[in-house]
Amino acid sequence: KLKEILNYLVREGVIKEHIKSEGVGRPGIYYSIVE
């Protein structure tokens, strides 16, 4: 459910998705609000 909301906000241009591949374990996905 949360993923659907995040995907909607990304499509609307409200937030941006950033994939961080460095570090230990699986890649993390970060979201930031578009100013």
Protein backbone atom coordinates (compact mmCIF):
# COMPACT_ATOMS: atom_id res chain seq x y z
CA LYS A 1 0.00 0.00 0.00
CA LEU A 2 2.78 2.43 0.92
CA LYS A 3 4.60 1.55 -2.30
CA GLU A 4 1.49 2.48 -4.30
CA ILE A 5 1.36 5.87 -2.60
CA LEU A 6 5.06 6.47 -3.20
CA ASN A 7 4.73 5.46 -6.86
CA TYR A 8 1.81 7.88 -7.25
CA LEU A 9 3.78 10.75 -5.70
CA VAL A 10 6.75 10.00 -7.96
CA ARG A 11 4.48 10.10 -11.04
CA GLU A 12 2.94 13.37 -9.86
CA GLY A 13 6.41 14.87 -9.50
CA VAL A 14 6.00 15.47 -5.77
CA ILE A 15 8.95 13.32 -4.74
CA LYS A 16 12.00 11.84 -6.44
CA GLU A 17 13.25 8.29 -6.08
CA HIS A 18 16.96 7.69 -5.43
CA ILE A 19 18.51 4.24 -5.45
CA LYS A 20 21.66 3.91 -3.34
CA SER A 21 23.68 0.84 -4.25
CA GLU A 22 26.72 1.47 -2.08
CA GLY A 23 26.96 0.02 1.41
CA VAL A 24 26.23 -3.38 2.86
CA GLY A 25 23.25 -5.53 1.98
CA ARG A 26 20.59 -4.86 -0.61
CA PRO A 27 20.31 -1.49 -2.34
CA GLY A 28 18.25 1.08 -0.49
CA ILE A 29 15.66 3.30 -2.10
CA TYR A 30 15.34 6.83 -0.80
CA TYR A 31 12.69 9.41 -1.58
CA SER A 32 13.13 13.16 -1.43
CA ILE A 33 10.57 15.93 -1.77
CA VAL A 34 10.96 18.00 -4.93
CA GLU A 35 11.43 21.66 -3.99
